[in-house]
Amino acid sequence: MANEQYVIVGILVGKGKKSDFGYSVHPYEKEEKNVGLLIETKSWKLLNRVITGNYGSLVIEAENFKTAVKVFESIKFMLGLITHYFGEDLTVLRLRGNGEDMHAKIFDLHHFGNELDKDRLTSGIVLGNDFFKEQENLITLISSDKRLRTALACFYQAQEVFYTNLVGSYIASHGRVDLHWYETDEYSYLNLLHNEKICSSLTTAYRGIEAIMDVNFRMRLFMNDEFKSVIDNCIDGVTWNTKYLKAFDMVRYEQDLSKKRYSKVSTMVKRLLIARNRAGHGKVYTDQKKNNQITIERTHESKRFLEFLIIKYIDSKV
């Protein structure tokens, strides 16, 4: 069976140029209409093709749609992790015609029998051609590792539901500071206003924690000696007492915002499980006050902890 081609909508590719002022991306010239292969594996290829306009589109060549979606998700989730980009309009569509046609026009695009609006292929995040080559190992790892892909999908979804800026410099200069200095009334108002989003985001993030650690946690697991061995065998380089640098937890009560606070991985897993049960089921444990709501900072921390585990897992595989 001949391979089919699928175009990713919402990502544009240009020529990456390095200069004394950093890295910039430029459109292609008229003579550079087919700029070729970016990544190739046994089951799929990632191509850069100028279909319309002066920027390239990412085209996946694969035997079936299932494989194409897997590659698309890998690229989408990689962008969320690496660039903190969470585009709502990112999607993948089938290219009409055979895979050998390198001159497909905009009217050849097919989606449920309708023509695709030309503007959709000329807008989106713009990245350099070299970016995808540099991330080849990560993209191929995500596409072949369901455990990692599921965790990244949860991270992506948790960010879409309730966004957390996880850039380190932003956390230090703005995220922690804003949470600390909110007036009590304003803080309570924000928690009430976004309560369902906060709860949904934390629940999804914990699903990601379970996925990347490959464990379906239950409270009874914390009641015996099995817990330590379970944590120790989840991710290479991560043990039950591995230190995790907290960013948001208890920041409302800090006197010195520059002070660093650490928590063991095992402690984070247990505390977030309790929070997840409260967020997902409304269950209140004896060690939680009944008025102890799921808060903005706890949800922020859940996603940062998930990101921490995902990066540790990737480091153990690459």
Protein backbone atom coordinates (compact mmCIF):
# COMPACT_ATOMS: atom_id res chain seq x y z
CA MET A 1 0.00 0.00 0.00
CA ALA A 2 1.37 3.41 -0.99
CA ASN A 3 2.05 5.90 1.74
CA GLU A 4 -0.30 8.84 2.13
CA GLN A 5 0.59 12.41 3.05
CA TYR A 6 -0.91 14.56 5.79
CA VAL A 7 -0.34 18.26 6.42
CA ILE A 8 0.00 19.82 9.87
CA VAL A 9 -1.98 23.05 10.12
CA GLY A 10 -0.81 25.74 12.55
CA ILE A 11 2.97 25.34 12.15
CA LEU A 12 5.00 27.20 9.51
CA VAL A 13 8.60 26.44 8.58
CA GLY A 14 11.14 28.95 7.32
CA LYS A 15 14.89 29.31 6.81
CA GLY A 16 16.69 29.57 10.10
CA LYS A 17 19.60 31.97 10.22
CA LYS A 18 22.06 32.57 13.02
CA SER A 19 23.55 36.01 13.51
CA ASP A 20 25.29 38.08 16.18
CA PHE A 21 21.84 39.03 17.46
CA GLY A 22 20.56 35.46 17.84
CA TYR A 23 18.43 33.15 15.69
CA SER A 24 15.92 34.43 13.13
CA VAL A 25 13.55 32.77 10.66
CA HIS A 26 12.91 34.02 7.12
CA PRO A 27 10.50 33.03 4.33
CA TYR A 28 11.70 30.98 1.35
CA GLU A 29 12.54 32.49 -2.01
CA LYS A 30 10.63 31.57 -5.17
CA GLU A 31 13.25 29.02 -6.23
CA GLU A 32 13.08 27.23 -2.87
CA LYS A 33 9.62 25.69 -3.18
CA ASN A 34 10.49 22.14 -2.10
CA VAL A 35 12.98 22.09 0.73
CA GLY A 36 12.74 18.42 1.42
CA LEU A 37 13.17 15.81 4.10
CA LEU A 38 13.45 16.70 7.79
CA ILE A 39 13.15 13.33 9.58
CA GLU A 40 12.92 9.77 8.26
CA THR A 41 12.13 6.55 10.15
CA LYS A 42 11.07 3.07 9.03
CA SER A 43 7.36 3.86 9.33
CA TRP A 44 7.08 7.60 8.54
CA LYS A 45 8.76 10.69 7.13
CA LEU A 46 8.50 14.35 8.05
CA LEU A 47 8.73 16.68 5.05
CA ASN A 48 8.89 20.44 4.64
CA ARG A 49 6.85 21.58 1.62
CA VAL A 50 5.86 25.03 0.45
CA ILE A 51 2.22 24.42 -0.47
CA THR A 52 1.09 28.02 -0.43
CA GLY A 53 2.68 31.33 0.52
CA ASN A 54 6.38 31.71 1.26
CA TYR A 55 6.67 29.44 4.29
CA GLY A 56 6.79 25.67 4.37
CA SER A 57 4.20 23.33 5.84
CA LEU A 58 5.06 20.19 7.80
CA VAL A 59 3.90 17.15 5.82
CA ILE A 60 3.81 13.66 7.32
CA GLU A 61 4.19 10.72 4.95
CA ALA A 62 2.87 7.53 6.53
CA GLU A 63 1.09 4.30 5.64
CA ASN A 64 -2.08 5.18 7.53
CA PHE A 65 -3.81 7.94 9.46
CA LYS A 66 -3.13 6.30 12.85
CA THR A 67 0.62 6.63 12.33
CA ALA A 68 0.24 10.18 11.02
CA VAL A 69 -1.74 11.21 14.12
CA LYS A 70 0.92 9.66 16.35
CA VAL A 71 3.62 11.74 14.66
CA PHE A 72 1.46 14.87 14.73
CA GLU A 73 0.83 14.46 18.46
CA SER A 74 4.54 13.92 19.07
CA ILE A 75 5.36 17.23 17.38
CA LYS A 76 2.49 19.05 19.11
CA PHE A 77 3.45 17.78 22.58
CA MET A 78 7.15 18.43 21.95
CA LEU A 79 6.34 22.08 21.18
CA GLY A 80 4.40 22.34 24.44
CA LEU A 81 7.31 20.98 26.44
CA ILE A 82 10.19 22.74 24.66
CA THR A 83 8.72 26.06 23.53
CA HIS A 84 5.69 26.32 25.89
CA TYR A 85 3.47 26.78 22.83
CA PHE A 86 -0.08 25.47 23.20
CA GLY A 87 -1.82 26.33 19.93
CA GLU A 88 -5.55 25.72 19.90
CA ASP A 89 -5.68 25.53 16.09
CA LEU A 90 -3.06 22.82 15.59
CA THR A 91 -4.49 19.92 13.60
CA VAL A 92 -3.56 17.37 10.93
CA LEU A 93 -5.40 16.85 7.62
CA ARG A 94 -5.07 14.47 4.71
CA LEU A 95 -3.53 15.72 1.48
CA ARG A 96 -5.62 14.69 -1.54
CA GLY A 97 -3.66 13.04 -4.34
CA ASN A 98 -0.76 10.58 -4.39
CA GLY A 99 2.24 10.95 -2.17
CA GLU A 100 4.60 11.51 -5.10
CA ASP A 101 2.91 14.76 -6.15
CA MET A 102 5.23 17.47 -4.84
CA HIS A 103 3.21 20.25 -6.46
CA ALA A 104 -0.06 19.91 -4.55
CA LYS A 105 -2.06 23.12 -4.54
CA ILE A 106 -4.29 24.49 -1.82
CA PHE A 107 -7.43 23.16 -3.50
CA ASP A 108 -6.06 19.61 -3.24
CA LEU A 109 -6.39 19.65 0.54
CA HIS A 110 -9.25 17.50 1.76
CA HIS A 111 -11.10 17.55 5.05
CA PHE A 112 -14.51 15.89 5.28
CA GLY A 113 -15.05 16.64 1.60
CA ASN A 114 -14.54 20.40 1.97
CA GLU A 115 -11.83 22.68 0.72
CA LEU A 116 -9.49 24.06 3.34
CA ASP A 117 -9.37 27.81 3.77
CA LYS A 118 -6.07 29.06 2.36
CA ASP A 119 -5.52 31.34 5.35
CA ARG A 120 -5.22 28.34 7.68
CA LEU A 121 -2.05 27.19 5.93
CA THR A 122 -0.46 30.64 6.04
CA SER A 123 -0.82 31.27 9.78
CA GLY A 124 0.54 29.75 12.94
CA ILE A 125 3.79 29.53 14.86
CA VAL A 126 6.87 30.02 12.65
CA LEU A 127 9.90 27.83 13.29
CA GLY A 128 13.23 27.35 11.55
CA ASN A 129 13.96 24.35 9.35
CA ASP A 130 16.84 23.28 11.61
CA PHE A 131 14.62 23.21 14.71
CA PHE A 132 12.99 19.92 13.71
CA LYS A 133 16.28 18.34 12.75
CA GLU A 134 17.69 19.31 16.16
CA GLN A 135 14.68 17.75 17.90
CA GLU A 136 14.70 14.57 15.78
CA ASN A 137 15.65 12.25 18.66
CA LEU A 138 12.96 13.69 20.93
CA ILE A 139 10.23 13.53 18.28
CA THR A 140 11.04 9.93 17.38
CA LEU A 141 11.19 8.97 21.07
CA ILE A 142 7.76 10.46 21.78
CA SER A 143 6.25 8.81 18.70
CA SER A 144 7.50 5.36 19.75
CA ASP A 145 6.91 5.64 23.53
CA LYS A 146 3.22 5.49 24.47
CA ARG A 147 3.98 6.05 28.15
CA LEU A 148 5.78 9.31 27.41
CA ARG A 149 3.20 10.39 24.83
CA THR A 150 0.33 9.87 27.28
CA ALA A 151 2.10 11.89 29.98
CA LEU A 152 2.82 14.72 27.54
CA ALA A 153 -0.80 14.65 26.34
CA CYS A 154 -1.95 15.11 29.95
CA PHE A 155 0.56 17.93 30.47
CA TYR A 156 -0.65 19.63 27.28
CA GLN A 157 -4.31 19.23 28.22
CA ALA A 158 -3.73 20.46 31.78
CA GLN A 159 -2.10 23.59 30.34
CA GLU A 160 -4.98 24.16 27.91
CA VAL A 161 -7.53 23.92 30.74
CA PHE A 162 -5.66 26.26 33.10
CA TYR A 163 -2.39 27.71 31.87
CA THR A 164 0.75 27.94 34.01
CA ASN A 165 3.80 29.83 32.76
CA LEU A 166 6.59 27.38 33.62
CA VAL A 167 9.55 29.37 32.31
CA GLY A 168 12.00 29.52 35.21
CA SER A 169 12.73 33.24 34.94
CA TYR A 170 9.01 34.04 34.78
CA ILE A 171 8.27 31.91 37.85
CA ALA A 172 10.97 33.73 39.84
CA SER A 173 10.10 37.25 38.66
CA HIS A 174 6.34 37.11 38.27
CA GLY A 175 4.59 33.82 39.11
CA ARG A 176 5.69 33.51 42.72
CA VAL A 177 5.58 37.26 43.32
CA ASP A 178 2.02 37.64 42.01
CA LEU A 179 0.71 34.77 44.12
CA HIS A 180 2.44 36.09 47.21
CA TRP A 181 1.14 39.65 46.94
CA TYR A 182 -2.47 39.01 45.98
CA GLU A 183 -4.83 40.63 48.43
CA THR A 184 -6.83 38.05 50.37
CA ASP A 185 -10.10 39.04 48.71
CA GLU A 186 -8.57 38.98 45.24
CA TYR A 187 -6.92 35.60 45.89
CA SER A 188 -10.19 34.07 47.11
CA TYR A 189 -12.04 35.56 44.15
CA LEU A 190 -9.61 34.03 41.62
CA ASN A 191 -9.80 30.60 43.25
CA LEU A 192 -13.60 30.67 43.23
CA LEU A 193 -13.81 32.06 39.70
CA HIS A 194 -11.55 29.37 38.23
CA ASN A 195 -12.42 26.54 40.63
CA GLU A 196 -13.59 23.99 38.04
CA LYS A 197 -10.66 24.74 35.72
CA ILE A 198 -8.22 24.45 38.63
CA CYS A 199 -9.67 21.10 39.69
CA SER A 200 -9.78 19.74 36.12
CA SER A 201 -6.23 20.83 35.38
CA LEU A 202 -4.84 19.26 38.56
CA THR A 203 -6.73 16.01 37.93
CA THR A 204 -5.34 15.80 34.39
CA ALA A 205 -1.82 16.59 35.57
CA TYR A 206 -1.97 13.75 38.12
CA ARG A 207 -3.12 11.39 35.38
CA GLY A 208 0.10 12.40 33.62
CA ILE A 209 2.14 11.71 36.75
CA GLU A 210 0.67 8.21 36.89
CA ALA A 211 1.36 7.71 33.18
CA ILE A 212 5.04 8.74 33.27
CA MET A 213 5.65 6.75 36.48
CA ASP A 214 3.61 3.84 35.06
CA VAL A 215 1.74 3.36 38.34
CA ASN A 216 -1.94 3.66 39.21
CA PHE A 217 -1.55 5.14 42.69
CA ARG A 218 -3.96 4.34 45.50
CA MET A 219 -3.83 5.48 49.12
CA ARG A 220 -3.28 1.93 50.35
CA LEU A 221 0.05 1.92 48.50
CA PHE A 222 1.35 4.50 50.98
CA MET A 223 0.50 2.33 53.98
CA ASN A 224 3.21 -0.31 53.54
CA ASP A 225 6.85 -0.81 52.56
CA GLU A 226 5.94 -1.53 48.93
CA PHE A 227 5.61 2.19 48.24
CA LYS A 228 9.38 2.84 48.40
CA SER A 229 10.23 0.09 45.92
CA VAL A 230 7.44 1.18 43.56
CA ILE A 231 8.75 4.76 43.42
CA ASP A 232 12.37 3.62 43.11
CA ASN A 233 11.60 1.52 40.02
CA CYS A 234 9.49 4.02 38.05
CA ILE A 235 12.07 6.24 36.32
CA ASP A 236 15.83 5.73 36.10
CA GLY A 237 17.55 8.38 38.20
CA VAL A 238 14.43 9.09 40.30
CA THR A 239 13.96 7.52 43.74
CA TRP A 240 11.45 7.99 46.53
CA ASN A 241 13.72 10.53 48.26
CA THR A 242 14.88 12.44 45.15
CA LYS A 243 14.69 16.15 45.92
CA TYR A 244 12.22 18.28 43.96
CA LEU A 245 12.53 22.08 44.04
CA LYS A 246 9.07 23.52 44.72
CA ALA A 247 8.01 26.71 42.98
CA PHE A 248 4.48 27.58 44.10
CA ASP A 249 3.50 25.50 47.12
CA MET A 250 3.01 27.62 50.26
CA VAL A 251 4.31 30.73 48.47
CA ARG A 252 1.47 32.73 50.03
CA TYR A 253 3.04 32.19 53.46
CA GLU A 254 6.69 32.75 52.56
CA GLN A 255 8.55 35.61 54.23
CA ASP A 256 11.51 35.41 51.85
CA LEU A 257 10.54 34.65 48.23
CA SER A 258 14.16 33.94 47.28
CA LYS A 259 14.30 31.03 49.72
CA LYS A 260 14.39 27.58 48.11
CA ARG A 261 12.15 24.82 49.41
CA TYR A 262 12.53 21.18 48.49
CA SER A 263 10.28 18.17 48.86
CA LYS A 264 10.87 14.46 48.30
CA VAL A 265 9.33 12.91 45.19
CA SER A 266 7.42 10.47 47.41
CA THR A 267 5.94 13.35 49.42
CA MET A 268 4.86 15.18 46.25
CA VAL A 269 3.20 12.05 44.84
CA LYS A 270 1.21 11.48 48.03
CA ARG A 271 0.19 15.11 48.57
CA LEU A 272 -0.93 15.52 44.97
CA LEU A 273 -2.85 12.24 45.13
CA ILE A 274 -4.83 13.62 48.07
CA ALA A 275 -5.41 16.84 46.13
CA ARG A 276 -6.41 14.88 43.02
CA ASN A 277 -8.98 12.88 44.97
CA ARG A 278 -10.38 16.09 46.39
CA ALA A 279 -10.42 17.77 42.97
CA GLY A 280 -11.81 14.80 41.08
CA HIS A 281 -14.17 13.26 43.61
CA GLY A 282 -14.77 15.89 46.26
CA LYS A 283 -13.37 13.52 48.89
CA VAL A 284 -11.95 15.12 52.03
CA TYR A 285 -9.38 13.18 54.06
CA THR A 286 -8.83 13.48 57.79
CA ASP A 287 -5.58 15.37 57.23
CA GLN A 288 -7.35 18.00 55.14
CA LYS A 289 -9.58 20.71 56.51
CA LYS A 290 -13.03 20.75 54.95
CA ASN A 291 -12.53 24.33 53.81
CA ASN A 292 -9.12 23.54 52.29
CA GLN A 293 -9.94 24.13 48.63
CA ILE A 294 -7.83 23.15 45.66
CA THR A 295 -5.88 26.35 45.02
CA ILE A 296 -4.19 28.03 42.10
CA GLU A 297 -0.70 27.37 43.42
CA ARG A 298 -1.39 23.69 44.07
CA THR A 299 -2.53 23.25 40.48
CA HIS A 300 0.51 25.16 39.23
CA GLU A 301 2.76 22.90 41.30
CA SER A 302 1.14 19.73 39.96
CA LYS A 303 2.06 20.67 36.39
CA ARG A 304 5.57 21.74 37.29
CA PHE A 305 6.10 18.42 39.09
CA LEU A 306 4.78 16.53 36.05
CA GLU A 307 7.16 18.50 33.81
CA PHE A 308 10.02 17.62 36.20
CA LEU A 309 9.23 13.88 35.94
CA ILE A 310 8.82 14.00 32.14
CA ILE A 311 12.24 15.65 31.72
CA LYS A 312 13.83 13.07 34.04
CA TYR A 313 12.25 10.28 32.01
CA ILE A 314 13.44 11.75 28.69
CA ASP A 315 16.97 12.15 30.10
CA SER A 316 16.96 8.46 31.03
CA LYS A 317 16.02 7.46 27.45
CA VAL A 318 18.01 9.83 25.25
